């Protein structure tokens, strides 16, 4: 009789252990699903920061954007924090002249996209602009996208 009760108790506990293991795994999966994008974003921004000049880094830290100079034309471009429609050709006063949308052909985080845009404009400006889509930015959209008070 005691042996039978012990076997029944073990069977019940075994079921709980299986449920607990499933719940623990589900919780781990849920946590990783939310944690990984933040890890990728942080790593992307870390790599971007390593490639920025000291002036660009200070500008990015203060304003969430940085300026680059095109290697072919010498034009100035402002790359704002983001993954699309975040590159603006600017005049000497920092006002937008044109907007350019070009991104890598892969789903990347903002830091990686901005780094690719920086490298493209500084090393192959003509090639980047050939594939870019041109858009006319409104002053309000430019201020909203490239505003110093904008949060990342």
Protein backbone atom coordinates (compact mmCIF):
# COMPACT_ATOMS: atom_id res chain seq x y z
CA UNK A 1 0.00 0.00 0.00
CA UNK A 2 2.78 2.42 0.96
CA UNK A 3 4.66 1.50 -2.20
CA UNK A 4 1.59 2.24 -4.29
CA UNK A 5 1.19 5.69 -2.68
CA UNK A 6 4.87 6.40 -3.25
CA UNK A 7 4.60 5.44 -6.93
CA UNK A 8 1.51 7.65 -7.34
CA UNK A 9 3.28 10.57 -5.66
CA UNK A 10 6.32 10.13 -7.92
CA UNK A 11 4.09 10.05 -10.99
CA UNK A 12 2.43 13.31 -9.90
CA UNK A 13 5.74 14.98 -9.12
CA UNK A 14 7.15 13.82 -12.44
CA UNK A 15 4.29 15.59 -14.19
CA UNK A 16 5.01 18.77 -12.22
CA UNK A 17 8.69 18.57 -13.11
CA UNK A 18 7.80 18.26 -16.79
CA UNK A 19 5.42 21.22 -16.56
CA UNK A 20 7.98 23.27 -14.67
CA UNK A 21 10.64 22.47 -17.26
CA UNK A 22 8.27 23.54 -20.07
CA UNK A 23 7.33 26.72 -18.23
CA UNK A 24 10.98 27.51 -17.52
CA UNK A 25 11.90 26.99 -21.17
CA UNK A 26 8.95 29.12 -22.31
CA UNK A 27 10.04 31.89 -19.94
CA UNK A 28 13.64 31.69 -21.21
CA UNK A 29 12.42 31.85 -24.83
CA UNK A 30 10.18 34.83 -24.07
CA UNK A 31 13.00 36.69 -22.33
CA UNK A 32 15.47 36.01 -25.15
CA UNK A 33 12.98 37.17 -27.77
CA UNK A 34 12.80 40.55 -26.07
CA UNK A 35 16.44 40.79 -25.00
CA UNK A 36 18.08 39.95 -28.34
CA UNK A 37 16.86 42.98 -30.31
CA UNK A 38 18.23 45.24 -27.57
CA UNK A 39 21.55 43.42 -27.67
CA UNK A 40 21.73 43.79 -31.47
CA UNK A 41 20.81 47.47 -31.26
CA UNK A 42 23.45 48.10 -28.58
CA UNK A 43 26.12 46.26 -30.57
CA UNK A 44 25.19 48.19 -33.73
CA UNK A 45 25.47 51.52 -31.93
CA UNK A 46 28.75 50.47 -30.34
CA UNK A 47 30.23 49.65 -33.76
CA UNK A 48 28.93 52.92 -35.23
CA UNK A 49 30.48 54.89 -32.38
CA UNK A 50 33.86 53.20 -33.01
CA UNK A 51 33.78 54.37 -36.65
CA UNK A 52 32.71 57.97 -36.03
CA UNK A 53 35.34 60.71 -35.94
CA UNK A 54 35.61 62.55 -32.63
CA UNK A 55 33.61 65.46 -34.13
CA UNK A 56 30.91 63.14 -35.48
CA UNK A 57 30.71 61.27 -32.17
CA UNK A 58 30.26 64.50 -30.21
CA UNK A 59 27.61 65.61 -32.70
CA UNK A 60 25.79 62.26 -32.50
CA UNK A 61 25.87 62.20 -28.70
CA UNK A 62 24.47 65.72 -28.52
CA UNK A 63 21.94 65.60 -31.36
CA UNK A 64 21.24 61.98 -32.49
CA UNK A 65 22.71 62.78 -35.91
CA UNK A 66 26.11 63.38 -37.47
CA UNK A 67 27.34 65.06 -40.66
CA UNK A 68 29.50 63.50 -43.35
CA UNK A 69 31.13 64.93 -46.46
CA UNK A 70 30.61 63.17 -49.77
CA UNK A 71 33.87 61.96 -51.27
CA UNK A 72 32.98 62.92 -54.86
CA UNK A 73 31.10 66.22 -54.62
CA UNK A 74 32.17 67.56 -51.24
CA UNK A 75 28.49 68.04 -50.35
CA UNK A 76 27.46 67.74 -46.73
CA UNK A 77 25.00 65.08 -45.62
CA UNK A 78 23.32 64.68 -42.27
CA UNK A 79 22.65 61.10 -41.15
CA UNK A 80 19.94 61.06 -38.50
CA UNK A 81 19.30 58.17 -36.15
CA UNK A 82 17.11 55.71 -38.02
CA UNK A 83 16.97 53.01 -40.66
CA UNK A 84 15.28 54.67 -43.66
CA UNK A 85 14.68 58.17 -45.05
CA UNK A 86 17.27 59.44 -42.59
CA UNK A 87 19.93 60.95 -44.88
CA UNK A 88 19.66 64.63 -45.79
CA UNK A 89 21.83 66.72 -48.07
CA UNK A 90 22.29 69.99 -46.17
CA UNK A 91 23.43 73.49 -47.10
CA UNK A 92 26.04 75.54 -45.27
CA UNK A 93 23.45 76.70 -42.72
CA UNK A 94 22.43 73.10 -41.95
CA UNK A 95 19.08 73.32 -43.74
CA UNK A 96 17.87 70.35 -45.80
CA UNK A 97 18.20 70.55 -49.59
CA UNK A 98 17.30 66.97 -50.53
CA UNK A 99 16.52 63.74 -48.77
CA UNK A 100 18.08 60.44 -49.77
CA UNK A 101 16.84 56.99 -48.87
CA UNK A 102 19.28 54.13 -49.28
CA UNK A 103 19.73 51.17 -46.99
CA UNK A 104 21.58 47.85 -47.03
CA UNK A 105 19.73 44.93 -48.57
CA UNK A 106 19.23 43.21 -45.19
CA UNK A 107 17.21 43.86 -42.04
CA UNK A 108 19.74 45.65 -39.85
CA UNK A 109 19.52 47.73 -36.70
CA UNK A 110 19.85 51.52 -36.87
CA UNK A 111 23.53 51.67 -35.88
CA UNK A 112 24.53 49.24 -38.66
CA UNK A 113 22.41 51.07 -41.27
CA UNK A 114 23.85 54.47 -40.33
CA UNK A 115 27.39 53.07 -40.46
CA UNK A 116 26.78 51.64 -43.93
CA UNK A 117 25.38 55.01 -45.06
CA UNK A 118 28.39 56.87 -43.63
CA UNK A 119 30.89 54.56 -45.33
CA UNK A 120 28.99 54.68 -48.63
CA UNK A 121 28.91 58.49 -48.75
CA UNK A 122 32.53 58.88 -47.67
CA UNK A 123 33.94 56.26 -50.04
CA UNK A 124 31.51 55.91 -52.99
CA UNK A 125 29.12 58.85 -52.94
CA UNK A 126 28.10 58.50 -56.60
CA UNK A 127 27.41 54.78 -56.23
CA UNK A 128 25.30 55.36 -53.13
CA UNK A 129 23.23 58.09 -54.77
CA UNK A 130 22.66 56.01 -57.91
CA UNK A 131 20.68 53.46 -55.88
CA UNK A 132 19.16 55.99 -53.47
CA UNK A 133 15.60 57.24 -53.71
CA UNK A 134 15.42 61.01 -53.66
CA UNK A 135 12.73 62.78 -51.64
CA UNK A 136 11.99 66.39 -50.82
CA UNK A 137 12.03 66.79 -47.05
CA UNK A 138 9.68 69.22 -45.41
CA UNK A 139 11.22 71.53 -42.83
CA UNK A 140 8.97 70.13 -40.10
CA UNK A 141 9.83 66.51 -40.93
CA UNK A 142 13.54 67.39 -40.96
CA UNK A 143 13.28 69.08 -37.55
CA UNK A 144 11.35 66.14 -36.14
CA UNK A 145 13.76 63.55 -37.52
CA UNK A 146 17.01 65.41 -36.86
CA UNK A 147 16.11 67.38 -33.78
CA UNK A 148 18.62 67.61 -30.91
CA UNK A 149 15.80 66.88 -28.46
CA UNK A 150 14.72 63.72 -30.28
CA UNK A 151 15.17 60.57 -28.20
CA UNK A 152 16.71 57.42 -29.60
